[in-house]
Amino acid sequence: MSVDSTQDLSKITDAEVFEAHEGGKLSVISQMPLRSKRDLSIAYTPGVAKVSQAIADDPAKHDSHTWASRLVAVVSDGTAVLGLGNIGAAASLPVMEGKCALFKEFAGLNSIPLVLETTDVDEIVDTIIRLRPSFGAVNLEDISAPRCFEIERRLIEALDIPVMHDDQHGTAVVVLAALIGAARYTQRDLSALKVVISGAGSAGVAVTKLLLQAGVGDVIVLDSRGTIHRERDDLNATKAELAAITNHEDVMGGLAEALDGADVVVGLSSSKFDEEAVARMNKDAIIFALSNPNPEIMPQDAKKYAAVVATGRSDFPNQINNVLAFPGIFRGALDSGSAKITEQMKVAAAHAIADLVGEDLAADYIIPSALDERVMPAVAKAVGAAAESAQ
């Protein structure tokens, strides 16, 4: 895979974008020649009947004689698409096509977009379960919280193949990778960090849990009403679970109170970071302002208070981009034959990403580029090793 990272993004026009999407971004290409009657007899009838009967007699041949075991279903109901919100299944399809293109380009995996004209949790789960023979992994995408938590949990329980909601766990892995790099640069241990996460949606919840899994000392999460703590009586089940494992000192209030003495802040919502609040952070602070396209605080302002700044944008240093994680995670899970994507696999993926920086570690280089060709193989190898060690 070779990607040109030198082109000027400012030259992209609306006309160019719409023209590129005409007819969609995907196609199916046959791997077999179909130029003669003999070719047809092998690829289709009567030859294909022998293969179908063989699979009926020995279900294991489904994996070896179809593409299903290497096919990822990219599934969405269109309820939380990029920064556009609930735009519906049909409008989400260009995004899902794009995700499939990324799977092919970055991981060499075939994938197919499935957008569902329903937001009912039972219907979504039942539909994917019934389609199980058609694919070997499920990438859930752009499904709103808290429904996404139940959908993912139930599919993981019901299916014998890898299932991952990328908006949750891909984000969490890359945030952890960037934090490992930032902690190394500022000479801190993860266990000593006090991290504040602004946003208690799907990404905020997953990032919190993975940071704790990786050994971060304490995390304070904020939703639209302020810090999540054990004294609040307005928490849903997901937030109540967070309250039990975070905010050890039960800090109350808003962002300013949460940032008082904090080492790290991660923005995963549209809320802005006031400079007065950021100024209350510890020396050599770490700021990840990940809202797109408008970060919670612009890098030039964040750098007044922080030693390390990252965003989700490609035009600033330290881009935190899910494409660093999900291609290698799925490739590693499928290569290893794993039925689940575990927390240990996610942590291993994060360390693999962070380790690629090596001796080039700097304030503006705590994480590799999304176009770094070393990333996917390193992540896949680490995920596969974690899967094997768990067996």
Protein backbone atom coordinates (compact mmCIF):
# COMPACT_ATOMS: atom_id res chain seq x y z
CA MET A 1 0.00 0.00 0.00
CA SER A 2 1.44 3.31 -1.08
CA VAL A 3 -0.25 6.59 -0.23
CA ASP A 4 0.76 10.05 -1.40
CA SER A 5 0.75 12.28 1.68
CA THR A 6 2.20 15.33 -0.06
CA GLN A 7 -0.86 16.52 -1.98
CA ASP A 8 -2.37 19.87 -1.00
CA LEU A 9 -5.73 19.23 0.69
CA SER A 10 -6.76 22.85 0.19
CA LYS A 11 -7.22 22.18 -3.53
CA ILE A 12 -10.14 19.78 -2.97
CA THR A 13 -13.39 21.22 -4.34
CA ASP A 14 -17.01 20.23 -3.79
CA ALA A 15 -17.26 19.33 -7.48
CA GLU A 16 -14.29 16.98 -7.15
CA VAL A 17 -15.80 15.29 -4.08
CA PHE A 18 -19.21 14.73 -5.66
CA GLU A 19 -17.72 13.51 -8.92
CA ALA A 20 -15.59 10.98 -7.04
CA HIS A 21 -18.69 9.60 -5.30
CA GLU A 22 -20.81 9.17 -8.43
CA GLY A 23 -21.75 5.50 -8.67
CA GLY A 24 -20.25 4.81 -5.24
CA LYS A 25 -16.71 3.97 -4.16
CA LEU A 26 -16.85 0.17 -4.26
CA SER A 27 -17.05 -2.67 -6.76
CA VAL A 28 -16.77 -6.47 -6.74
CA ILE A 29 -14.04 -8.06 -8.86
CA SER A 30 -14.07 -11.76 -9.65
CA GLN A 31 -10.91 -13.69 -8.76
CA MET A 32 -11.73 -16.35 -11.38
CA PRO A 33 -11.62 -16.11 -15.18
CA LEU A 34 -15.02 -16.34 -16.85
CA ARG A 35 -14.05 -16.49 -20.52
CA SER A 36 -15.20 -19.94 -21.56
CA LYS A 37 -17.86 -22.59 -20.90
CA ARG A 38 -15.26 -24.46 -18.87
CA ASP A 39 -14.70 -21.39 -16.70
CA LEU A 40 -18.46 -21.06 -16.16
CA SER A 41 -18.78 -24.73 -15.31
CA ILE A 42 -16.13 -24.38 -12.60
CA ALA A 43 -17.19 -21.05 -11.16
CA TYR A 44 -20.91 -21.66 -11.36
CA THR A 45 -23.09 -24.59 -12.38
CA PRO A 46 -22.46 -27.51 -12.31
CA GLY A 47 -19.13 -27.20 -10.45
CA VAL A 48 -20.32 -24.89 -7.69
CA ALA A 49 -22.93 -27.44 -6.61
CA LYS A 50 -20.15 -29.80 -5.56
CA VAL A 51 -18.69 -27.10 -3.29
CA SER A 52 -22.07 -26.24 -1.79
CA GLN A 53 -22.74 -29.91 -1.05
CA ALA A 54 -19.28 -30.24 0.50
CA ILE A 55 -20.04 -27.33 2.84
CA ALA A 56 -23.37 -28.90 3.75
CA ASP A 57 -21.52 -32.12 4.61
CA ASP A 58 -18.62 -30.36 6.37
CA PRO A 59 -19.43 -26.82 7.66
CA ALA A 60 -15.71 -26.10 8.19
CA LYS A 61 -15.37 -25.80 4.41
CA HIS A 62 -17.50 -22.63 4.63
CA ASP A 63 -14.39 -20.84 5.89
CA SER A 64 -11.97 -22.31 3.37
CA HIS A 65 -14.13 -22.28 0.24
CA THR A 66 -15.98 -18.95 0.50
CA TRP A 67 -14.82 -15.41 1.13
CA ALA A 68 -16.89 -15.12 4.32
CA SER A 69 -14.11 -15.82 6.79
CA ARG A 70 -12.14 -12.82 5.48
CA LEU A 71 -15.11 -10.52 4.90
CA VAL A 72 -15.93 -7.68 7.29
CA ALA A 73 -19.49 -6.35 7.48
CA VAL A 74 -19.53 -2.60 8.14
CA VAL A 75 -22.90 -2.05 9.82
CA SER A 76 -24.70 1.21 10.62
CA ASP A 77 -28.18 2.53 11.24
CA GLY A 78 -27.13 6.10 10.41
CA THR A 79 -27.92 7.54 13.84
CA ALA A 80 -24.53 9.09 14.69
CA VAL A 81 -22.71 9.75 11.44
CA LEU A 82 -19.51 11.76 11.74
CA GLY A 83 -20.51 15.22 12.99
CA LEU A 84 -23.81 15.07 11.13
CA GLY A 85 -25.82 13.19 13.74
CA ASN A 86 -28.91 11.11 12.93
CA ILE A 87 -29.08 11.40 9.14
CA GLY A 88 -30.50 7.96 8.43
CA ALA A 89 -29.34 4.75 6.81
CA ALA A 90 -29.32 5.89 3.18
CA ALA A 91 -27.31 9.04 3.91
CA SER A 92 -24.80 7.02 5.94
CA LEU A 93 -23.94 4.71 3.04
CA PRO A 94 -21.14 6.89 1.53
CA VAL A 95 -19.40 6.81 4.91
CA MET A 96 -19.73 3.03 5.16
CA GLU A 97 -18.44 2.64 1.60
CA GLY A 98 -15.46 4.76 2.60
CA LYS A 99 -14.82 2.57 5.63
CA CYS A 100 -14.85 -0.50 3.39
CA ALA A 101 -12.35 1.18 1.07
CA LEU A 102 -10.08 1.80 4.06
CA PHE A 103 -10.28 -1.86 5.09
CA LYS A 104 -9.15 -2.91 1.62
CA GLU A 105 -6.42 -0.28 1.25
CA PHE A 106 -4.92 -0.49 4.73
CA ALA A 107 -5.53 -4.12 5.73
CA GLY A 108 -6.11 -6.01 2.49
CA LEU A 109 -9.50 -7.16 3.79
CA ASN A 110 -12.69 -7.33 1.78
CA SER A 111 -15.67 -5.68 3.43
CA ILE A 112 -19.24 -4.84 2.61
CA PRO A 113 -21.41 -1.94 3.87
CA LEU A 114 -24.76 -2.86 5.44
CA VAL A 115 -26.97 0.08 6.38
CA LEU A 116 -30.17 -0.86 8.18
CA GLU A 117 -33.46 1.00 7.92
CA THR A 118 -34.25 0.55 11.60
CA THR A 119 -33.06 1.95 14.92
CA ASP A 120 -34.64 -0.82 16.98
CA VAL A 121 -31.97 -2.66 18.96
CA ASP A 122 -33.69 -6.05 18.70
CA GLU A 123 -34.15 -5.71 14.95
CA ILE A 124 -30.54 -4.70 14.37
CA VAL A 125 -29.18 -7.55 16.49
CA ASP A 126 -31.50 -10.13 14.93
CA THR A 127 -30.67 -8.97 11.40
CA ILE A 128 -26.91 -9.31 11.91
CA ILE A 129 -27.29 -12.69 13.59
CA ARG A 130 -29.34 -13.97 10.65
CA LEU A 131 -26.70 -12.71 8.20
CA ARG A 132 -23.85 -14.40 10.08
CA PRO A 133 -23.05 -17.00 7.34
CA SER A 134 -22.22 -14.15 4.94
CA PHE A 135 -19.19 -12.68 6.74
CA GLY A 136 -16.41 -13.30 9.25
CA ALA A 137 -16.34 -10.09 11.32
CA VAL A 138 -18.57 -7.15 12.18
CA ASN A 139 -17.47 -3.51 12.34
CA LEU A 140 -20.26 -1.48 13.93
CA GLU A 141 -20.17 2.14 12.82
CA ASP A 142 -21.91 5.42 13.60
CA ILE A 143 -24.59 4.01 15.91
CA SER A 144 -25.73 6.37 18.65
CA ALA A 145 -25.22 5.87 22.38
CA PRO A 146 -26.42 4.29 24.57
CA ARG A 147 -27.96 1.88 22.05
CA CYS A 148 -24.53 1.07 20.61
CA PHE A 149 -23.40 -0.46 23.91
CA GLU A 150 -26.25 -2.98 24.01
CA ILE A 151 -26.00 -3.80 20.30
CA GLU A 152 -22.29 -4.53 20.55
CA ARG A 153 -22.64 -6.54 23.78
CA ARG A 154 -25.43 -8.72 22.42
CA LEU A 155 -23.66 -9.38 19.12
CA ILE A 156 -20.43 -10.33 20.90
CA GLU A 157 -22.41 -12.78 23.03
CA ALA A 158 -24.36 -14.23 20.10
CA LEU A 159 -21.70 -14.50 17.39
CA ASP A 160 -18.55 -16.60 17.13
CA ILE A 161 -16.67 -13.94 15.14
CA PRO A 162 -14.92 -10.65 15.99
CA VAL A 163 -17.31 -7.75 16.63
CA MET A 164 -16.16 -4.20 17.39
CA HIS A 165 -17.81 -0.79 17.45
CA ASP A 166 -15.02 1.31 15.97
CA ASP A 167 -16.38 4.65 17.22
CA GLN A 168 -15.82 3.28 20.71
CA HIS A 169 -12.79 1.04 20.59
CA GLY A 170 -10.84 2.28 17.59
CA THR A 171 -10.93 5.73 19.15
CA ALA A 172 -9.92 4.32 22.53
CA VAL A 173 -6.93 2.44 21.12
CA VAL A 174 -5.55 5.47 19.28
CA VAL A 175 -6.11 7.79 22.25
CA LEU A 176 -4.24 5.30 24.46
CA ALA A 177 -1.42 5.05 21.91
CA ALA A 178 -1.09 8.84 21.80
CA LEU A 179 -1.20 9.05 25.59
CA ILE A 180 1.57 6.46 25.87
CA GLY A 181 3.69 8.60 23.56
CA ALA A 182 2.84 11.83 25.37
CA ALA A 183 3.60 10.26 28.75
CA ARG A 184 6.96 9.06 27.49
CA TYR A 185 7.77 12.51 26.11
CA THR A 186 6.87 14.23 29.39
CA GLN A 187 8.55 11.46 31.41
CA ARG A 188 5.46 10.31 33.28
CA ASP A 189 4.08 6.88 34.11
CA LEU A 190 0.49 6.14 33.11
CA SER A 191 -0.24 5.16 36.70
CA ALA A 192 0.58 8.69 37.88
CA LEU A 193 -1.73 10.46 35.46
CA LYS A 194 -4.96 12.22 36.31
CA VAL A 195 -6.98 12.29 33.09
CA VAL A 196 -10.11 14.31 32.37
CA ILE A 197 -12.41 13.19 29.55
CA SER A 198 -14.93 15.69 28.23
CA GLY A 199 -17.77 13.64 26.76
CA ALA A 200 -19.61 10.59 28.04
CA GLY A 201 -20.84 9.24 24.71
CA SER A 202 -19.70 6.02 23.09
CA ALA A 203 -16.09 7.17 22.59
CA GLY A 204 -15.81 8.73 26.04
CA VAL A 205 -16.99 5.57 27.76
CA ALA A 206 -14.67 3.30 25.76
CA VAL A 207 -11.65 5.57 26.17
CA THR A 208 -12.21 5.72 29.92
CA LYS A 209 -12.40 1.96 30.28
CA LEU A 210 -9.35 1.28 28.11
CA LEU A 211 -7.21 3.89 29.89
CA LEU A 212 -8.06 2.28 33.21
CA GLN A 213 -7.35 -1.16 31.74
CA ALA A 214 -3.93 0.15 30.66
CA GLY A 215 -3.14 1.37 34.18
CA VAL A 216 -3.99 5.09 34.17
CA GLY A 217 -4.25 6.33 37.75
CA ASP A 218 -7.57 8.17 37.73
CA VAL A 219 -10.06 9.43 35.18
CA ILE A 220 -12.75 12.09 35.59
CA VAL A 221 -15.51 12.03 32.98
CA LEU A 222 -17.81 14.94 32.21
CA ASP A 223 -21.19 14.90 30.52
CA SER A 224 -23.43 17.86 29.71
CA ARG A 225 -24.25 18.29 33.42
CA GLY A 226 -20.70 18.26 34.74
CA THR A 227 -18.47 15.66 36.35
CA ILE A 228 -19.75 12.13 36.77
CA HIS A 229 -19.48 11.14 40.42
CA ARG A 230 -21.08 8.74 42.88
CA GLU A 231 -23.33 11.36 44.49
CA ARG A 232 -25.30 12.04 41.31
CA ASP A 233 -28.80 10.58 41.15
CA ASP A 234 -29.44 11.29 37.44
CA LEU A 235 -27.08 8.75 35.89
CA ASN A 236 -28.14 6.04 33.45
CA ALA A 237 -26.71 2.55 33.85
CA THR A 238 -23.65 3.24 31.70
CA LYS A 239 -22.74 6.43 33.54
CA ALA A 240 -23.43 4.83 36.93
CA GLU A 241 -20.89 2.17 35.99
CA LEU A 242 -18.38 4.92 35.17
CA ALA A 243 -19.06 6.65 38.49
CA ALA A 244 -18.12 3.46 40.34
CA ILE A 245 -14.68 3.15 38.70
CA THR A 246 -13.65 6.79 38.10
CA ASN A 247 -13.28 10.11 39.90
CA HIS A 248 -11.81 8.63 43.06
CA GLU A 249 -12.14 11.90 44.96
CA ASP A 250 -15.71 12.58 43.74
CA VAL A 251 -14.76 15.92 42.22
CA MET A 252 -17.94 17.93 41.55
CA GLY A 253 -18.55 20.82 39.19
CA GLY A 254 -17.66 21.53 35.59
CA LEU A 255 -14.58 21.45 33.41
CA ALA A 256 -12.64 24.00 35.47
CA GLU A 257 -13.04 21.99 38.66
CA ALA A 258 -12.16 18.74 36.90
CA LEU A 259 -9.01 20.23 35.33
CA ASP A 260 -7.69 21.60 38.62
CA GLY A 261 -4.47 19.61 39.05
CA ALA A 262 -5.11 17.36 36.05
CA ASP A 263 -2.33 16.10 33.79
CA VAL A 264 -4.37 15.25 30.69
CA VAL A 265 -7.62 16.37 29.08
CA VAL A 266 -9.26 14.50 26.20
CA GLY A 267 -12.01 16.25 24.26
CA LEU A 268 -14.63 13.89 22.86
CA SER A 269 -17.58 16.26 22.55
CA SER A 270 -18.35 19.62 21.02
CA SER A 271 -17.79 21.46 24.32
CA LYS A 272 -15.13 24.17 24.19
CA PHE A 273 -12.12 24.32 26.52
CA ASP A 274 -11.84 27.77 28.10
CA GLU A 275 -8.25 28.90 28.55
CA GLU A 276 -8.99 29.81 32.16
CA ALA A 277 -9.93 26.18 32.83
CA VAL A 278 -6.97 24.74 30.94
CA ALA A 279 -4.63 27.02 32.88
CA ARG A 280 -5.53 25.09 36.05
CA MET A 281 -3.85 21.93 34.75
CA ASN A 282 -0.50 20.69 36.00
CA LYS A 283 2.79 21.74 34.42
CA ASP A 284 3.63 19.97 31.13
CA ALA A 285 -0.03 19.26 30.54
CA ILE A 286 -1.27 17.01 27.72
CA ILE A 287 -4.25 18.24 25.67
CA PHE A 288 -6.08 16.07 23.13
CA ALA A 289 -8.74 18.27 21.49
CA LEU A 290 -10.40 15.74 19.21
CA SER A 291 -13.66 17.33 18.12
CA ASN A 292 -13.83 17.66 14.32
CA PRO A 293 -13.64 19.86 12.39
CA ASN A 294 -13.42 22.37 15.24
CA PRO A 295 -11.21 21.27 18.15
CA GLU A 296 -12.33 22.12 21.67
CA ILE A 297 -9.33 24.47 21.80
CA MET A 298 -7.10 25.40 18.88
CA PRO A 299 -3.52 24.08 19.07
CA GLN A 300 -1.94 27.53 19.13
CA ASP A 301 -3.96 28.36 22.25
CA ALA A 302 -3.49 24.96 23.87
CA LYS A 303 0.28 25.20 23.51
CA LYS A 304 0.32 28.13 25.94
CA TYR A 305 -0.43 25.62 28.69
CA ALA A 306 0.51 22.20 27.34
CA ALA A 307 3.70 20.35 26.51
CA VAL A 308 1.87 18.09 24.06
CA VAL A 309 -1.19 18.85 21.93
CA ALA A 310 -3.09 16.50 19.62
CA THR A 311 -6.22 16.86 17.50
CA GLY A 312 -8.28 14.76 15.12
CA ARG A 313 -7.32 16.89 12.13
CA SER A 314 -4.78 15.99 9.47
CA ASP A 315 -3.55 19.57 9.09
CA PHE A 316 -2.12 19.68 12.64
CA PRO A 317 0.61 17.50 14.19
CA ASN A 318 -0.31 14.42 16.24
CA GLN A 319 -3.49 13.44 14.44
CA ILE A 320 -5.49 10.90 16.43
CA ASN A 321 -7.10 8.91 13.63
CA ASN A 322 -8.97 5.59 13.95
CA VAL A 323 -7.38 4.30 10.75
CA LEU A 324 -4.26 3.70 12.86
CA ALA A 325 -6.15 1.02 14.77
CA PHE A 326 -9.11 -0.71 13.19
CA PRO A 327 -7.49 -2.19 10.04
CA GLY A 328 -4.76 -3.91 12.03
CA ILE A 329 -7.08 -4.97 14.85
CA PHE A 330 -9.46 -6.76 12.49
CA ARG A 331 -6.61 -8.17 10.41
CA GLY A 332 -4.90 -9.51 13.54
CA ALA A 333 -8.13 -10.98 14.92
CA LEU A 334 -8.96 -12.71 11.64
CA ASP A 335 -5.41 -13.93 11.03
CA SER A 336 -5.31 -15.49 14.50
CA GLY A 337 -8.77 -17.04 14.20
CA SER A 338 -9.93 -15.20 17.29
CA ALA A 339 -13.68 -15.17 17.98
CA LYS A 340 -13.42 -12.03 20.14
CA ILE A 341 -11.56 -8.73 20.24
CA THR A 342 -10.48 -8.50 23.86
CA GLU A 343 -9.31 -5.61 26.04
CA GLN A 344 -5.84 -7.16 26.06
CA MET A 345 -5.77 -7.09 22.26
CA LYS A 346 -6.74 -3.42 22.26
CA VAL A 347 -4.03 -2.50 24.77
CA ALA A 348 -1.49 -4.48 22.74
CA ALA A 349 -2.57 -2.60 19.61
CA ALA A 350 -2.07 0.75 21.36
CA HIS A 351 1.43 -0.15 22.50
CA ALA A 352 2.32 -1.37 19.01
CA ILE A 353 1.26 1.97 17.53
CA ALA A 354 3.10 4.01 20.16
CA ASP A 355 6.29 1.96 19.85
CA LEU A 356 6.65 2.80 16.16
CA VAL A 357 7.61 6.38 17.06
CA GLY A 358 10.82 5.13 18.67
CA GLU A 359 13.70 7.55 19.11
CA ASP A 360 11.98 10.18 16.96
CA LEU A 361 9.61 10.99 19.84
CA ALA A 362 8.93 14.73 20.06
CA ALA A 363 6.21 17.13 21.15
CA ASP A 364 4.86 17.18 17.60
CA TYR A 365 5.42 13.46 17.02
CA ILE A 366 3.94 11.26 19.73
CA ILE A 367 2.07 8.98 17.32
CA PRO A 368 2.73 7.75 13.77
CA SER A 369 1.00 9.19 10.75
CA ALA A 370 -2.19 7.51 9.60
CA LEU A 371 -0.35 6.90 6.31
CA ASP A 372 2.64 5.15 7.93
CA GLU A 373 2.84 1.77 6.19
CA ARG A 374 4.39 0.13 9.26
CA VAL A 375 1.29 0.58 11.39
CA MET A 376 -1.14 -2.08 10.15
CA PRO A 377 1.38 -4.96 10.18
CA ALA A 378 2.62 -3.98 13.64
CA VAL A 379 -0.90 -3.76 15.05
CA ALA A 380 -1.99 -7.02 13.42
CA LYS A 381 1.05 -8.81 14.81
CA ALA A 382 0.49 -7.47 18.32
CA VAL A 383 -3.21 -8.32 18.26
CA GLY A 384 -2.48 -11.83 16.99
CA ALA A 385 0.12 -12.38 19.70
CA ALA A 386 -2.32 -11.20 22.38
CA ALA A 387 -4.97 -13.55 21.01
CA GLU A 388 -2.59 -16.50 21.05
CA SER A 389 -1.39 -15.78 24.59
CA ALA A 390 -5.00 -15.85 25.80
CA GLN A 391 -5.65 -19.31 24.37
